[in-house]
């Protein structure tokens, strides 16, 4: 098998957030007015994220981060990968966005 050439794609992302999909699935949403919205969807809406690499910020739902807290979702800010955050179900979107904006 012959090795291919590594290509680089441009992206407009200024930051990224990883959200545990398994935690989100366990909560069956858990966020928003009726607590039916997933954390990833809530963040995409709060940031006004467009699709794919043309967005200003990426919100990526990953398979499982292996922490599995009760009644919370694990989230990692790509700018601070050493600080994993446990976001309790029902947390207001402005609180989550403020937490991500901290330096």
PDB file of N, CA and C in Angstrom:
ATOM      1  N   UNK A   1       0.846  -1.177   0.000  1.00  0.00           N
ATOM      2  CA  UNK A   1       0.000   0.000   0.000  1.00  0.00           C
ATOM      3  C   UNK A   1       0.894   1.243   0.000  1.00  0.00           C
ATOM      4  N   UNK A   2       0.588   2.156  -0.869  1.00  0.00           N
ATOM      5  CA  UNK A   2       1.401   3.358  -0.999  1.00  0.00           C
ATOM      6  C   UNK A   2       0.849   4.469  -0.108  1.00  0.00           C
ATOM      7  N   UNK A   3       1.753   5.188   0.533  1.00  0.00           N
ATOM      8  CA  UNK A   3       1.343   6.293   1.404  1.00  0.00           C
ATOM      9  C   UNK A   3       0.887   7.470   0.560  1.00  0.00           C
ATOM     10  N   UNK A   4      -0.146   8.163   1.042  1.00  0.00           N
ATOM     11  CA  UNK A   4      -0.671   9.326   0.334  1.00  0.00           C
ATOM     12  C   UNK A   4       0.007  10.606   0.799  1.00  0.00           C
ATOM     13  N   UNK A   5      -0.327  11.658   0.145  1.00  0.00           N
ATOM     14  CA  UNK A   5       0.203  12.964   0.487  1.00  0.00           C
ATOM     15  C   UNK A   5      -0.710  13.609   1.529  1.00  0.00           C
ATOM     16  N   UNK A   6      -0.122  14.153   2.568  1.00  0.00           N
ATOM     17  CA  UNK A   6      -0.910  14.833   3.593  1.00  0.00           C
ATOM     18  C   UNK A   6      -1.298  16.204   3.066  1.00  0.00           C
ATOM     19  N   UNK A   7      -2.590  16.472   3.122  1.00  0.00           N
ATOM     20  CA  UNK A   7      -3.097  17.763   2.655  1.00  0.00           C
ATOM     21  C   UNK A   7      -3.548  18.590   3.847  1.00  0.00           C
ATOM     22  N   UNK A   8      -3.483  19.886   3.712  1.00  0.00           N
ATOM     23  CA  UNK A   8      -3.924  20.796   4.764  1.00  0.00           C
ATOM     24  C   UNK A   8      -5.116  21.593   4.243  1.00  0.00           C
ATOM     25  N   UNK A   9      -6.176  21.632   5.039  1.00  0.00           N
ATOM     26  CA  UNK A   9      -7.364  22.404   4.693  1.00  0.00           C
ATOM     27  C   UNK A   9      -7.432  23.635   5.586  1.00  0.00           C
ATOM     28  N   UNK A  10      -7.789  24.761   5.018  1.00  0.00           N
ATOM     29  CA  UNK A  10      -7.938  25.983   5.795  1.00  0.00           C
ATOM     30  C   UNK A  10      -9.249  25.949   6.569  1.00  0.00           C
ATOM     31  N   UNK A  11      -9.245  26.562   7.725  1.00  0.00           N
ATOM     32  CA  UNK A  11     -10.432  26.646   8.555  1.00  0.00           C
ATOM     33  C   UNK A  11     -10.499  28.039   9.160  1.00  0.00           C
ATOM     34  N   UNK A  12     -11.700  28.493   9.439  1.00  0.00           N
ATOM     35  CA  UNK A  12     -11.884  29.800  10.084  1.00  0.00           C
ATOM     36  C   UNK A  12     -11.980  29.681  11.603  1.00  0.00           C
ATOM     37  N   UNK A  13     -11.886  28.470  12.127  1.00  0.00           N
ATOM     38  CA  UNK A  13     -12.043  28.258  13.556  1.00  0.00           C
ATOM     39  C   UNK A  13     -11.031  29.067  14.353  1.00  0.00           C
ATOM     40  N   UNK A  14     -11.541  29.799  15.352  1.00  0.00           N
ATOM     41  CA  UNK A  14     -10.694  30.523  16.295  1.00  0.00           C
ATOM     42  C   UNK A  14     -10.612  29.758  17.616  1.00  0.00           C
ATOM     43  N   UNK A  15     -11.384  28.717  17.732  1.00  0.00           N
ATOM     44  CA  UNK A  15     -11.410  27.891  18.932  1.00  0.00           C
ATOM     45  C   UNK A  15     -12.287  26.686  18.695  1.00  0.00           C
ATOM     46  N   UNK A  16     -12.193  25.738  19.622  1.00  0.00           N
ATOM     47  CA  UNK A  16     -13.018  24.541  19.493  1.00  0.00           C
ATOM     48  C   UNK A  16     -13.449  24.056  20.878  1.00  0.00           C
ATOM     49  N   UNK A  17     -14.567  23.379  20.905  1.00  0.00           N
ATOM     50  CA  UNK A  17     -15.107  22.808  22.134  1.00  0.00           C
ATOM     51  C   UNK A  17     -15.477  21.366  21.839  1.00  0.00           C
ATOM     52  N   UNK A  18     -15.032  20.457  22.701  1.00  0.00           N
ATOM     53  CA  UNK A  18     -15.395  19.044  22.586  1.00  0.00           C
ATOM     54  C   UNK A  18     -16.463  18.744  23.634  1.00  0.00           C
ATOM     55  N   UNK A  19     -17.520  18.078  23.216  1.00  0.00           N
ATOM     56  CA  UNK A  19     -18.623  17.730  24.113  1.00  0.00           C
ATOM     57  C   UNK A  19     -18.816  16.220  24.063  1.00  0.00           C
ATOM     58  N   UNK A  20     -18.916  15.593  25.219  1.00  0.00           N
ATOM     59  CA  UNK A  20     -19.088  14.139  25.289  1.00  0.00           C
ATOM     60  C   UNK A  20     -20.493  13.746  24.829  1.00  0.00           C
ATOM     61  N   UNK A  21     -20.556  12.964  23.777  1.00  0.00           N
ATOM     62  CA  UNK A  21     -21.830  12.524  23.226  1.00  0.00           C
ATOM     63  C   UNK A  21     -22.526  11.498  24.098  1.00  0.00           C
ATOM     64  N   UNK A  22     -21.762  10.674  24.793  1.00  0.00           N
ATOM     65  CA  UNK A  22     -22.367   9.650  25.644  1.00  0.00           C
ATOM     66  C   UNK A  22     -23.079  10.296  26.836  1.00  0.00           C
ATOM     67  N   UNK A  23     -22.435  11.317  27.431  1.00  0.00           N
ATOM     68  CA  UNK A  23     -23.074  12.052  28.542  1.00  0.00           C
ATOM     69  C   UNK A  23     -24.355  12.718  28.056  1.00  0.00           C
ATOM     70  N   UNK A  24     -24.285  13.322  26.877  1.00  0.00           N
ATOM     71  CA  UNK A  24     -25.453  14.007  26.312  1.00  0.00           C
ATOM     72  C   UNK A  24     -26.595  13.034  26.088  1.00  0.00           C
ATOM     73  N   UNK A  25     -26.264  11.855  25.599  1.00  0.00           N
ATOM     74  CA  UNK A  25     -27.291  10.847  25.327  1.00  0.00           C
ATOM     75  C   UNK A  25     -27.944  10.367  26.628  1.00  0.00           C
ATOM     76  N   UNK A  26     -27.134  10.211  27.680  1.00  0.00           N
ATOM     77  CA  UNK A  26     -27.678   9.779  28.973  1.00  0.00           C
ATOM     78  C   UNK A  26     -28.676  10.785  29.531  1.00  0.00           C
ATOM     79  N   UNK A  27     -28.408  12.082  29.305  1.00  0.00           N
ATOM     80  CA  UNK A  27     -29.304  13.120  29.812  1.00  0.00           C
ATOM     81  C   UNK A  27     -30.524  13.316  28.928  1.00  0.00           C
ATOM     82  N   UNK A  28     -30.491  12.754  27.728  1.00  0.00           N
ATOM     83  CA  UNK A  28     -31.584  12.917  26.766  1.00  0.00           C
ATOM     84  C   UNK A  28     -31.865  14.398  26.533  1.00  0.00           C
ATOM     85  N   UNK A  29     -30.798  15.135  26.293  1.00  0.00           N
ATOM     86  CA  UNK A  29     -30.882  16.587  26.119  1.00  0.00           C
ATOM     87  C   UNK A  29     -30.327  17.259  27.349  1.00  0.00           C
ATOM     88  N   UNK A  30     -31.215  17.641  28.256  1.00  0.00           N
ATOM     89  CA  UNK A  30     -30.798  18.181  29.541  1.00  0.00           C
ATOM     90  C   UNK A  30     -30.635  19.686  29.602  1.00  0.00           C
ATOM     91  N   UNK A  31     -30.707  20.384  28.463  1.00  0.00           N
ATOM     92  CA  UNK A  31     -30.477  21.824  28.452  1.00  0.00           C
ATOM     93  C   UNK A  31     -31.590  22.532  27.695  1.00  0.00           C
ATOM     94  N   UNK A  32     -31.621  23.843  27.800  1.00  0.00           N
ATOM     95  CA  UNK A  32     -32.650  24.623  27.130  1.00  0.00           C
ATOM     96  C   UNK A  32     -33.877  24.775  27.996  1.00  0.00           C
ATOM     97  N   UNK A  33     -34.886  25.473  27.469  1.00  0.00           N
ATOM     98  CA  UNK A  33     -36.109  25.763  28.220  1.00  0.00           C
ATOM     99  C   UNK A  33     -36.829  24.501  28.688  1.00  0.00           C
ATOM    100  N   UNK A  34     -36.941  23.531  27.812  1.00  0.00           N
ATOM    101  CA  UNK A  34     -37.665  22.302  28.154  1.00  0.00           C
ATOM    102  C   UNK A  34     -36.722  21.148  28.486  1.00  0.00           C
ATOM    103  N   UNK A  35     -35.435  21.455  28.591  1.00  0.00           N
ATOM    104  CA  UNK A  35     -34.386  20.454  28.885  1.00  0.00           C
ATOM    105  C   UNK A  35     -34.386  19.298  27.887  1.00  0.00           C
ATOM    106  N   UNK A  36     -34.605  19.642  26.620  1.00  0.00           N
ATOM    107  CA  UNK A  36     -34.578  18.629  25.567  1.00  0.00           C
ATOM    108  C   UNK A  36     -33.436  18.870  24.577  1.00  0.00           C
ATOM    109  N   UNK A  37     -32.696  19.942  24.770  1.00  0.00           N
ATOM    110  CA  UNK A  37     -31.624  20.309  23.848  1.00  0.00           C
ATOM    111  C   UNK A  37     -30.295  19.778  24.362  1.00  0.00           C
ATOM    112  N   UNK A  38     -29.474  19.242  23.464  1.00  0.00           N
ATOM    113  CA  UNK A  38     -28.160  18.756  23.872  1.00  0.00           C
ATOM    114  C   UNK A  38     -27.224  19.941  24.099  1.00  0.00           C
ATOM    115  N   UNK A  39     -26.166  19.727  24.875  1.00  0.00           N
ATOM    116  CA  UNK A  39     -25.203  20.796  25.154  1.00  0.00           C
ATOM    117  C   UNK A  39     -24.524  21.260  23.870  1.00  0.00           C
ATOM    118  N   UNK A  40     -24.192  20.333  22.981  1.00  0.00           N
ATOM    119  CA  UNK A  40     -23.539  20.701  21.721  1.00  0.00           C
ATOM    120  C   UNK A  40     -24.442  21.611  20.893  1.00  0.00           C
ATOM    121  N   UNK A  41     -25.701  21.274  20.792  1.00  0.00           N
ATOM    122  CA  UNK A  41     -26.650  22.093  20.017  1.00  0.00           C
ATOM    123  C   UNK A  41     -26.837  23.456  20.678  1.00  0.00           C
ATOM    124  N   UNK A  42     -26.904  23.468  21.998  1.00  0.00           N
ATOM    125  CA  UNK A  42     -27.050  24.712  22.733  1.00  0.00           C
ATOM    126  C   UNK A  42     -25.849  25.633  22.476  1.00  0.00           C
ATOM    127  N   UNK A  43     -24.644  25.075  22.493  1.00  0.00           N
ATOM    128  CA  UNK A  43     -23.434  25.874  22.243  1.00  0.00           C
ATOM    129  C   UNK A  43     -23.391  26.385  20.806  1.00  0.00           C
ATOM    130  N   UNK A  44     -23.765  25.533  19.859  1.00  0.00           N
ATOM    131  CA  UNK A  44     -23.773  25.972  18.458  1.00  0.00           C
ATOM    132  C   UNK A  44     -24.725  27.163  18.282  1.00  0.00           C
ATOM    133  N   UNK A  45     -25.878  27.099  18.923  1.00  0.00           N
ATOM    134  CA  UNK A  45     -26.847  28.189  18.845  1.00  0.00           C
ATOM    135  C   UNK A  45     -26.314  29.438  19.547  1.00  0.00           C
ATOM    136  N   UNK A  46     -25.739  29.272  20.744  1.00  0.00           N
ATOM    137  CA  UNK A  46     -25.233  30.415  21.514  1.00  0.00           C
ATOM    138  C   UNK A  46     -24.103  31.139  20.779  1.00  0.00           C
ATOM    139  N   UNK A  47     -23.242  30.384  20.103  1.00  0.00           N
ATOM    140  CA  UNK A  47     -22.122  30.981  19.372  1.00  0.00           C
ATOM    141  C   UNK A  47     -22.516  31.403  17.966  1.00  0.00           C
ATOM    142  N   UNK A  48     -23.698  31.009  17.520  1.00  0.00           N
ATOM    143  CA  UNK A  48     -24.100  31.311  16.149  1.00  0.00           C
ATOM    144  C   UNK A  48     -23.224  30.581  15.143  1.00  0.00           C
ATOM    145  N   UNK A  49     -22.863  29.350  15.489  1.00  0.00           N
ATOM    146  CA  UNK A  49     -21.945  28.555  14.678  1.00  0.00           C
ATOM    147  C   UNK A  49     -22.583  28.135  13.368  1.00  0.00           C
ATOM    148  N   UNK A  50     -21.834  28.307  12.301  1.00  0.00           N
ATOM    149  CA  UNK A  50     -22.241  27.805  10.993  1.00  0.00           C
ATOM    150  C   UNK A  50     -21.709  26.391  10.855  1.00  0.00           C
ATOM    151  N   UNK A  51     -22.010  25.763   9.762  1.00  0.00           N
ATOM    152  CA  UNK A  51     -21.578  24.381   9.535  1.00  0.00           C
ATOM    153  C   UNK A  51     -20.096  24.292   9.184  1.00  0.00           C
ATOM    154  N   UNK A  52     -19.482  23.220   9.667  1.00  0.00           N
ATOM    155  CA  UNK A  52     -18.147  22.836   9.252  1.00  0.00           C
ATOM    156  C   UNK A  52     -17.028  23.814   9.538  1.00  0.00           C
ATOM    157  N   UNK A  53     -16.037  23.800   8.677  1.00  0.00           N
ATOM    158  CA  UNK A  53     -14.832  24.586   8.893  1.00  0.00           C
ATOM    159  C   UNK A  53     -14.980  26.058   8.552  1.00  0.00           C
ATOM    160  N   UNK A  54     -16.140  26.458   8.049  1.00  0.00           N
ATOM    161  CA  UNK A  54     -16.382  27.870   7.733  1.00  0.00           C
ATOM    162  C   UNK A  54     -16.890  28.645   8.940  1.00  0.00           C
ATOM    163  N   UNK A  55     -17.131  27.963  10.032  1.00  0.00           N
ATOM    164  CA  UNK A  55     -17.605  28.602  11.258  1.00  0.00           C
ATOM    165  C   UNK A  55     -16.450  29.312  11.961  1.00  0.00           C
ATOM    166  N   UNK A  56     -16.786  30.248  12.848  1.00  0.00           N
ATOM    167  CA  UNK A  56     -15.766  30.940  13.635  1.00  0.00           C
ATOM    168  C   UNK A  56     -15.245  30.059  14.762  1.00  0.00           C
ATOM    169  N   UNK A  57     -16.096  29.170  15.239  1.00  0.00           N
ATOM    170  CA  UNK A  57     -15.730  28.289  16.344  1.00  0.00           C
ATOM    171  C   UNK A  57     -16.333  26.917  16.085  1.00  0.00           C
ATOM    172  N   UNK A  58     -15.622  25.891  16.459  1.00  0.00           N
ATOM    173  CA  UNK A  58     -16.115  24.540  16.246  1.00  0.00           C
ATOM    174  C   UNK A  58     -16.646  23.925  17.522  1.00  0.00           C
ATOM    175  N   UNK A  59     -17.795  23.288  17.430  1.00  0.00           N
ATOM    176  CA  UNK A  59     -18.362  22.515  18.533  1.00  0.00           C
ATOM    177  C   UNK A  59     -18.457  21.093  18.018  1.00  0.00           C
ATOM    178  N   UNK A  60     -17.661  20.211  18.610  1.00  0.00           N
ATOM    179  CA  UNK A  60     -17.572  18.840  18.132  1.00  0.00           C
ATOM    180  C   UNK A  60     -18.063  17.896  19.226  1.00  0.00           C
ATOM    181  N   UNK A  61     -19.051  17.082  18.879  1.00  0.00           N
ATOM    182  CA  UNK A  61     -19.533  16.078  19.816  1.00  0.00           C
ATOM    183  C   UNK A  61     -18.726  14.809  19.568  1.00  0.00           C
ATOM    184  N   UNK A  62     -18.001  14.364  20.591  1.00  0.00           N
ATOM    185  CA  UNK A  62     -17.150  13.180  20.482  1.00  0.00           C
ATOM    186  C   UNK A  62     -17.854  11.985  21.116  1.00  0.00           C
ATOM    187  N   UNK A  63     -17.356  10.790  20.836  1.00  0.00           N
ATOM    188  CA  UNK A  63     -18.012   9.559  21.272  1.00  0.00           C
ATOM    189  C   UNK A  63     -18.128   9.463  22.800  1.00  0.00           C
ATOM    190  N   UNK A  64     -17.011   9.399  23.497  1.00  0.00           N
ATOM    191  CA  UNK A  64     -17.022   9.310  24.960  1.00  0.00           C
ATOM    192  C   UNK A  64     -15.679   9.782  25.486  1.00  0.00           C
ATOM    193  N   UNK A  65     -15.711  10.599  26.530  1.00  0.00           N
ATOM    194  CA  UNK A  65     -14.475  11.102  27.131  1.00  0.00           C
ATOM    195  C   UNK A  65     -14.067  10.294  28.358  1.00  0.00           C
ATOM    196  N   UNK A  66     -14.882   9.323  28.753  1.00  0.00           N
ATOM    197  CA  UNK A  66     -14.512   8.380  29.801  1.00  0.00           C
ATOM    198  C   UNK A  66     -14.663   8.856  31.239  1.00  0.00           C
ATOM    199  N   UNK A  67     -15.293   9.992  31.476  1.00  0.00           N
ATOM    200  CA  UNK A  67     -15.472  10.487  32.839  1.00  0.00           C
ATOM    201  C   UNK A  67     -16.819  10.051  33.396  1.00  0.00           C
ATOM    202  N   UNK A  68     -17.874  10.189  32.630  1.00  0.00           N
ATOM    203  CA  UNK A  68     -19.223   9.732  32.951  1.00  0.00           C
ATOM    204  C   UNK A  68     -19.769  10.232  34.296  1.00  0.00           C
ATOM    205  N   UNK A  69     -19.931  11.567  34.444  1.00  0.00           N
ATOM    206  CA  UNK A  69     -20.524  12.090  35.679  1.00  0.00           C
ATOM    207  C   UNK A  69     -22.039  11.884  35.685  1.00  0.00           C
ATOM    208  N   UNK A  70     -22.639  11.949  36.855  1.00  0.00           N
ATOM    209  CA  UNK A  70     -24.093  11.837  36.950  1.00  0.00           C
ATOM    210  C   UNK A  70     -24.709  13.215  36.730  1.00  0.00           C
ATOM    211  N   UNK A  71     -25.739  13.287  35.913  1.00  0.00           N
ATOM    212  CA  UNK A  71     -26.502  14.508  35.643  1.00  0.00           C
ATOM    213  C   UNK A  71     -25.649  15.676  35.169  1.00  0.00           C
ATOM    214  N   UNK A  72     -24.623  15.389  34.384  1.00  0.00           N
ATOM    215  CA  UNK A  72     -23.763  16.435  33.830  1.00  0.00           C
ATOM    216  C   UNK A  72     -23.148  15.943  32.523  1.00  0.00           C
ATOM    217  N   UNK A  73     -22.590  16.880  31.754  1.00  0.00           N
ATOM    218  CA  UNK A  73     -21.922  16.564  30.492  1.00  0.00           C
ATOM    219  C   UNK A  73     -20.487  17.063  30.583  1.00  0.00           C
ATOM    220  N   UNK A  74     -19.545  16.243  30.131  1.00  0.00           N
ATOM    221  CA  UNK A  74     -18.139  16.642  30.118  1.00  0.00           C
ATOM    222  C   UNK A  74     -17.883  17.487  28.871  1.00  0.00           C
ATOM    223  N   UNK A  75     -17.157  18.597  29.069  1.00  0.00           N
ATOM    224  CA  UNK A  75     -16.857  19.520  27.984  1.00  0.00           C
ATOM    225  C   UNK A  75     -15.397  19.941  28.098  1.00  0.00           C
ATOM    226  N   UNK A  76     -14.708  20.039  26.959  1.00  0.00           N
ATOM    227  CA  UNK A  76     -13.315  20.477  26.937  1.00  0.00           C
ATOM    228  C   UNK A  76     -13.186  21.665  26.003  1.00  0.00           C
ATOM    229  N   UNK A  77     -12.623  22.753  26.513  1.00  0.00           N
ATOM    230  CA  UNK A  77     -12.313  23.912  25.689  1.00  0.00           C
ATOM    231  C   UNK A  77     -10.957  23.643  25.043  1.00  0.00           C
ATOM    232  N   UNK A  78     -10.896  23.686  23.716  1.00  0.00           N
ATOM    233  CA  UNK A  78      -9.658  23.420  22.998  1.00  0.00           C
ATOM    234  C   UNK A  78      -8.525  24.362  23.370  1.00  0.00           C
ATOM    235  N   UNK A  79      -8.856  25.570  23.851  1.00  0.00           N
ATOM    236  CA  UNK A  79      -7.834  26.531  24.260  1.00  0.00           C
ATOM    237  C   UNK A  79      -7.220  26.155  25.608  1.00  0.00           C
ATOM    238  N   UNK A  80      -7.948  25.365  26.403  1.00  0.00           N
ATOM    239  CA  UNK A  80      -7.469  24.935  27.723  1.00  0.00           C
ATOM    240  C   UNK A  80      -7.716  23.436  27.898  1.00  0.00           C
ATOM    241  N   UNK A  81      -6.985  22.611  27.174  1.00  0.00           N
ATOM    242  CA  UNK A  81      -7.256  21.166  27.227  1.00  0.00           C
ATOM    243  C   UNK A  81      -6.938  20.522  28.574  1.00  0.00           C
ATOM    244  N   UNK A  82      -6.246  21.220  29.441  1.00  0.00           N
ATOM    245  CA  UNK A  82      -5.928  20.684  30.763  1.00  0.00           C
ATOM    246  C   UNK A  82      -7.044  20.869  31.775  1.00  0.00           C
ATOM    247  N   UNK A  83      -8.096  21.610  31.400  1.00  0.00           N
ATOM    248  CA  UNK A  83      -9.223  21.864  32.287  1.00  0.00           C
ATOM    249  C   UNK A  83     -10.496  21.289  31.684  1.00  0.00           C
ATOM    250  N   UNK A  84     -10.898  20.119  32.151  1.00  0.00           N
ATOM    251  CA  UNK A  84     -12.143  19.518  31.687  1.00  0.00           C
ATOM    252  C   UNK A  84     -13.273  20.033  32.570  1.00  0.00           C
ATOM    253  N   UNK A  85     -14.396  20.345  31.981  1.00  0.00           N
ATOM    254  CA  UNK A  85     -15.511  20.929  32.722  1.00  0.00           C
ATOM    255  C   UNK A  85     -16.690  19.975  32.769  1.00  0.00           C
ATOM    256  N   UNK A  86     -17.306  19.884  33.921  1.00  0.00           N
ATOM    257  CA  UNK A  86     -18.527  19.091  34.094  1.00  0.00           C
ATOM    258  C   UNK A  86     -19.677  20.076  34.155  1.00  0.00           C
ATOM    259  N   UNK A  87     -20.510  20.081  33.138  1.00  0.00           N
ATOM    260  CA  UNK A  87     -21.612  21.038  33.035  1.00  0.00           C
ATOM    261  C   UNK A  87     -22.898  20.344  33.484  1.00  0.00           C
ATOM    262  N   UNK A  88     -23.448  20.753  34.644  1.00  0.00           N
ATOM    263  CA  UNK A  88     -24.680  20.123  35.139  1.00  0.00           C
ATOM    264  C   UNK A  88     -25.859  20.372  34.204  1.00  0.00           C
ATOM    265  N   UNK A  89     -26.739  19.395  34.124  1.00  0.00           N
ATOM    266  CA  UNK A  89     -27.952  19.535  33.313  1.00  0.00           C
ATOM    267  C   UNK A  89     -28.722  20.760  33.775  1.00  0.00           C
ATOM    268  N   UNK A  90     -29.278  21.507  32.829  1.00  0.00           N
ATOM    269  CA  UNK A  90     -30.070  22.678  33.154  1.00  0.00           C
ATOM    270  C   UNK A  90     -29.276  23.967  33.301  1.00  0.00           C
ATOM    271  N   UNK A  91     -27.950  23.912  33.163  1.00  0.00           N
ATOM    272  CA  UNK A  91     -27.135  25.125  33.258  1.00  0.00           C
ATOM    273  C   UNK A  91     -27.541  26.087  32.150  1.00  0.00           C
ATOM    274  N   UNK A  92     -27.647  27.369  32.489  1.00  0.00           N
ATOM    275  CA  UNK A  92     -28.027  28.400  31.520  1.00  0.00           C
ATOM    276  C   UNK A  92     -26.943  28.566  30.457  1.00  0.00           C
ATOM    277  N   UNK A  93     -27.342  28.781  29.208  1.00  0.00           N
ATOM    278  CA  UNK A  93     -26.370  28.944  28.124  1.00  0.00           C
ATOM    279  C   UNK A  93     -25.359  30.059  28.379  1.00  0.00           C
ATOM    280  N   UNK A  94     -25.802  31.171  28.975  1.00  0.00           N
ATOM    281  CA  UNK A  94     -24.882  32.290  29.215  1.00  0.00           C
ATOM    282  C   UNK A  94     -23.782  31.901  30.204  1.00  0.00           C
ATOM    283  N   UNK A  95     -24.105  31.014  31.161  1.00  0.00           N
ATOM    284  CA  UNK A  95     -23.102  30.548  32.118  1.00  0.00           C
ATOM    285  C   UNK A  95     -22.039  29.700  31.420  1.00  0.00           C
ATOM    286  N   UNK A  96     -22.478  28.842  30.513  1.00  0.00           N
ATOM    287  CA  UNK A  96     -21.538  27.975  29.781  1.00  0.00           C
ATOM    288  C   UNK A  96     -20.639  28.830  28.888  1.00  0.00           C
ATOM    289  N   UNK A  97     -21.231  29.784  28.173  1.00  0.00           N
ATOM    290  CA  UNK A  97     -20.461  30.662  27.289  1.00  0.00           C
ATOM    291  C   UNK A  97     -19.479  31.494  28.101  1.00  0.00           C
ATOM    292  N   UNK A  98     -19.904  32.001  29.259  1.00  0.00           N
ATOM    293  CA  UNK A  98     -19.013  32.779  30.133  1.00  0.00           C
ATOM    294  C   UNK A  98     -17.855  31.934  30.620  1.00  0.00           C
ATOM    295  N   UNK A  99     -18.115  30.667  30.927  1.00  0.00           N
ATOM    296  CA  UNK A  99     -17.063  29.769  31.383  1.00  0.00           C
ATOM    297  C   UNK A  99     -16.023  29.557  30.281  1.00  0.00           C
ATOM    298  N   UNK A 100     -16.484  29.472  29.034  1.00  0.00           N
ATOM    299  CA  UNK A 100     -15.571  29.281  27.912  1.00  0.00           C
ATOM    300  C   UNK A 100     -14.807  30.559  27.570  1.00  0.00           C
ATOM    301  N   UNK A 101     -15.364  31.716  27.923  1.00  0.00           N
ATOM    302  CA  UNK A 101     -14.724  32.992  27.600  1.00  0.00           C
ATOM    303  C   UNK A 101     -13.635  33.357  28.593  1.00  0.00           C
ATOM    304  N   UNK A 102     -13.578  32.674  29.752  1.00  0.00           N
ATOM    305  CA  UNK A 102     -12.556  32.978  30.759  1.00  0.00           C
ATOM    306  C   UNK A 102     -11.174  32.645  30.229  1.00  0.00           C
ATOM    307  N   UNK A 103     -10.227  33.501  30.561  1.00  0.00           N
ATOM    308  CA  UNK A 103      -8.820  33.254  30.159  1.00  0.00           C
ATOM    309  C   UNK A 103      -8.020  32.750  31.293  1.00  0.00           C
TER     310      UNK A 103
END
